[in-house]
Amino acid sequence: MVGKGLLARYTAEIPTGKLVTSEAAKNALGTDVGGYVMPMFNSQTAIAHNAAMVSDPPKTHAELEKWVQG
């Protein structure tokens, strides 16, 4: 797909592409995938809450944005 020009490099397409630093983004199973593969599990963000203080936590990103703005 790369050879035929069917894939766009994410580094040129999305602003956060320059933040990818994982080796898995450069080489996957012995194949050079630099700029085309963005690992999903190396830098996840988790949000925890105290159930005694937050009885109805946000369930979607949109709900989280609204909740944060208060």
N, C-alpha and C. Protein backbone atom coordinates (compact mmCIF):
# COMPACT_ATOMS: atom_id res chain seq x y z
N MET A 1 0.82 -1.20 0.00
CA MET A 1 0.00 0.00 0.00
C MET A 1 0.86 1.26 0.00
N VAL A 2 1.96 1.21 0.76
CA VAL A 2 2.85 2.36 0.78
C VAL A 2 3.48 2.57 -0.59
N GLY A 3 3.95 1.48 -1.18
CA GLY A 3 4.59 1.55 -2.49
C GLY A 3 3.68 2.11 -3.58
N LYS A 4 2.39 1.89 -3.43
CA LYS A 4 1.42 2.37 -4.41
C LYS A 4 0.85 3.75 -4.05
N GLY A 5 1.34 4.34 -2.96
CA GLY A 5 0.87 5.67 -2.56
C GLY A 5 -0.55 5.70 -2.01
N LEU A 6 -0.98 4.57 -1.44
CA LEU A 6 -2.35 4.49 -0.93
C LEU A 6 -2.47 4.92 0.54
N LEU A 7 -1.35 5.13 1.21
CA LEU A 7 -1.38 5.55 2.61
C LEU A 7 -0.74 6.92 2.77
N ALA A 8 -1.31 7.73 3.63
CA ALA A 8 -0.71 9.03 3.95
C ALA A 8 0.08 8.88 5.24
N ARG A 9 1.20 9.55 5.33
CA ARG A 9 1.99 9.52 6.55
C ARG A 9 1.29 10.36 7.61
N TYR A 10 1.07 9.78 8.79
CA TYR A 10 0.37 10.51 9.84
C TYR A 10 1.14 11.73 10.30
N THR A 11 2.45 11.71 10.18
CA THR A 11 3.24 12.86 10.62
C THR A 11 2.89 14.11 9.82
N ALA A 12 2.41 13.94 8.62
CA ALA A 12 2.03 15.08 7.79
C ALA A 12 0.54 15.40 7.93
N GLU A 13 -0.23 14.45 8.42
CA GLU A 13 -1.69 14.60 8.45
C GLU A 13 -2.25 15.11 9.77
N ILE A 14 -1.62 14.78 10.89
CA ILE A 14 -2.18 15.17 12.19
C ILE A 14 -1.13 15.89 13.03
N PRO A 15 -1.53 16.92 13.76
CA PRO A 15 -0.59 17.71 14.55
C PRO A 15 0.15 16.91 15.62
N THR A 16 -0.47 15.89 16.19
CA THR A 16 0.17 15.13 17.25
C THR A 16 1.13 14.07 16.72
N GLY A 17 1.22 13.92 15.42
CA GLY A 17 2.12 12.94 14.84
C GLY A 17 3.56 13.14 15.29
N LYS A 18 3.97 14.37 15.50
CA LYS A 18 5.35 14.63 15.92
C LYS A 18 5.63 14.18 17.36
N LEU A 19 4.60 13.84 18.11
CA LEU A 19 4.77 13.41 19.49
C LEU A 19 5.04 11.91 19.62
N VAL A 20 4.91 11.16 18.55
CA VAL A 20 5.13 9.71 18.59
C VAL A 20 6.62 9.44 18.71
N THR A 21 7.02 8.73 19.76
CA THR A 21 8.44 8.45 19.99
C THR A 21 8.74 6.97 20.17
N SER A 22 7.73 6.13 20.19
CA SER A 22 7.90 4.70 20.44
C SER A 22 8.65 4.02 19.30
N GLU A 23 9.53 3.08 19.66
CA GLU A 23 10.22 2.28 18.65
C GLU A 23 9.23 1.47 17.83
N ALA A 24 8.08 1.11 18.45
CA ALA A 24 7.07 0.33 17.74
C ALA A 24 6.46 1.14 16.59
N ALA A 25 6.63 2.44 16.60
CA ALA A 25 6.12 3.28 15.52
C ALA A 25 7.09 3.31 14.34
N LYS A 26 8.28 2.75 14.54
CA LYS A 26 9.29 2.74 13.48
C LYS A 26 9.43 1.37 12.84
N ASN A 27 9.27 0.32 13.65
CA ASN A 27 9.50 -1.03 13.16
C ASN A 27 8.46 -1.96 13.76
N ALA A 28 7.69 -2.61 12.94
CA ALA A 28 6.68 -3.56 13.40
C ALA A 28 6.92 -4.90 12.72
N LEU A 29 7.24 -5.90 13.53
CA LEU A 29 7.49 -7.25 13.02
C LEU A 29 8.54 -7.26 11.91
N GLY A 30 9.57 -6.43 12.08
CA GLY A 30 10.66 -6.40 11.11
C GLY A 30 10.42 -5.56 9.88
N THR A 31 9.32 -4.84 9.86
CA THR A 31 8.98 -4.01 8.70
C THR A 31 9.09 -2.53 9.07
N ASP A 32 9.71 -1.74 8.20
CA ASP A 32 9.82 -0.30 8.42
C ASP A 32 8.44 0.32 8.24
N VAL A 33 7.86 0.81 9.33
CA VAL A 33 6.53 1.41 9.28
C VAL A 33 6.57 2.88 9.74
N GLY A 34 7.75 3.47 9.77
CA GLY A 34 7.92 4.83 10.25
C GLY A 34 7.00 5.82 9.56
N GLY A 35 6.19 6.52 10.36
CA GLY A 35 5.29 7.53 9.83
C GLY A 35 3.93 7.01 9.44
N TYR A 36 3.76 5.68 9.43
CA TYR A 36 2.48 5.10 9.02
C TYR A 36 1.74 4.37 10.15
N VAL A 37 2.47 4.01 11.19
CA VAL A 37 1.88 3.23 12.28
C VAL A 37 2.01 4.01 13.59
N MET A 38 0.89 4.20 14.25
CA MET A 38 0.90 4.88 15.54
C MET A 38 0.42 3.88 16.60
N PRO A 39 1.32 3.45 17.49
CA PRO A 39 0.93 2.48 18.51
C PRO A 39 -0.21 3.01 19.37
N MET A 40 -1.12 2.12 19.74
CA MET A 40 -2.27 2.55 20.52
C MET A 40 -2.11 2.27 22.02
N PHE A 41 -1.19 1.42 22.42
CA PHE A 41 -1.16 1.00 23.81
C PHE A 41 0.08 1.40 24.57
N ASN A 42 0.95 2.22 24.02
CA ASN A 42 2.16 2.62 24.72
C ASN A 42 1.99 3.88 25.55
N SER A 43 0.98 4.65 25.29
CA SER A 43 0.82 5.91 26.03
C SER A 43 -0.65 6.25 26.21
N GLN A 44 -1.36 5.37 26.87
CA GLN A 44 -2.77 5.63 27.13
C GLN A 44 -2.92 6.53 28.35
N THR A 45 -4.04 7.19 28.41
CA THR A 45 -4.38 8.02 29.56
C THR A 45 -5.59 7.42 30.25
N ALA A 46 -5.49 7.30 31.57
CA ALA A 46 -6.62 6.78 32.34
C ALA A 46 -7.07 7.87 33.30
N ILE A 47 -8.34 7.97 33.50
CA ILE A 47 -8.89 8.94 34.44
C ILE A 47 -9.60 8.16 35.54
N ALA A 48 -9.14 8.35 36.77
CA ALA A 48 -9.75 7.69 37.91
C ALA A 48 -10.59 8.70 38.68
N HIS A 49 -11.57 8.20 39.41
CA HIS A 49 -12.39 9.09 40.23
C HIS A 49 -12.74 8.41 41.54
N ASN A 50 -13.03 9.21 42.54
CA ASN A 50 -13.45 8.73 43.84
C ASN A 50 -14.97 8.59 43.80
N ALA A 51 -15.46 7.35 43.81
CA ALA A 51 -16.90 7.09 43.70
C ALA A 51 -17.69 7.72 44.84
N ALA A 52 -17.06 7.95 45.97
CA ALA A 52 -17.75 8.59 47.09
C ALA A 52 -18.00 10.07 46.82
N MET A 53 -17.18 10.65 45.92
CA MET A 53 -17.31 12.08 45.64
C MET A 53 -17.92 12.37 44.27
N VAL A 54 -17.80 11.43 43.35
CA VAL A 54 -18.33 11.61 41.99
C VAL A 54 -19.27 10.44 41.71
N SER A 55 -20.54 10.68 41.92
CA SER A 55 -21.51 9.60 41.79
C SER A 55 -21.88 9.28 40.33
N ASP A 56 -21.73 10.25 39.44
CA ASP A 56 -22.10 10.04 38.03
C ASP A 56 -20.96 10.54 37.13
N PRO A 57 -19.88 9.75 37.01
CA PRO A 57 -18.73 10.22 36.22
C PRO A 57 -19.06 10.28 34.73
N PRO A 58 -18.38 11.13 33.98
CA PRO A 58 -18.59 11.22 32.53
C PRO A 58 -18.30 9.89 31.86
N LYS A 59 -19.08 9.56 30.86
CA LYS A 59 -18.91 8.29 30.15
C LYS A 59 -18.36 8.46 28.74
N THR A 60 -18.37 9.68 28.23
CA THR A 60 -17.84 9.94 26.89
C THR A 60 -16.90 11.14 26.97
N HIS A 61 -16.13 11.34 25.91
CA HIS A 61 -15.23 12.49 25.87
C HIS A 61 -16.02 13.80 25.92
N ALA A 62 -17.12 13.85 25.22
CA ALA A 62 -17.96 15.06 25.22
C ALA A 62 -18.49 15.34 26.63
N GLU A 63 -18.93 14.30 27.33
CA GLU A 63 -19.40 14.48 28.71
C GLU A 63 -18.26 14.95 29.62
N LEU A 64 -17.06 14.42 29.41
CA LEU A 64 -15.90 14.83 30.19
C LEU A 64 -15.59 16.30 29.98
N GLU A 65 -15.60 16.76 28.73
CA GLU A 65 -15.34 18.19 28.45
C GLU A 65 -16.35 19.07 29.16
N LYS A 66 -17.61 18.70 29.08
CA LYS A 66 -18.67 19.48 29.73
C LYS A 66 -18.49 19.48 31.24
N TRP A 67 -18.16 18.32 31.81
CA TRP A 67 -17.99 18.18 33.26
C TRP A 67 -16.81 19.01 33.75
N VAL A 68 -15.72 19.01 33.01
CA VAL A 68 -14.51 19.76 33.41
C VAL A 68 -14.79 21.27 33.42
N GLN A 69 -15.59 21.73 32.46
CA GLN A 69 -15.90 23.15 32.40
C GLN A 69 -16.83 23.59 33.52
N GLY A 70 -17.49 22.60 34.14
CA GLY A 70 -18.28 22.82 35.34
C GLY A 70 -19.49 23.61 35.19
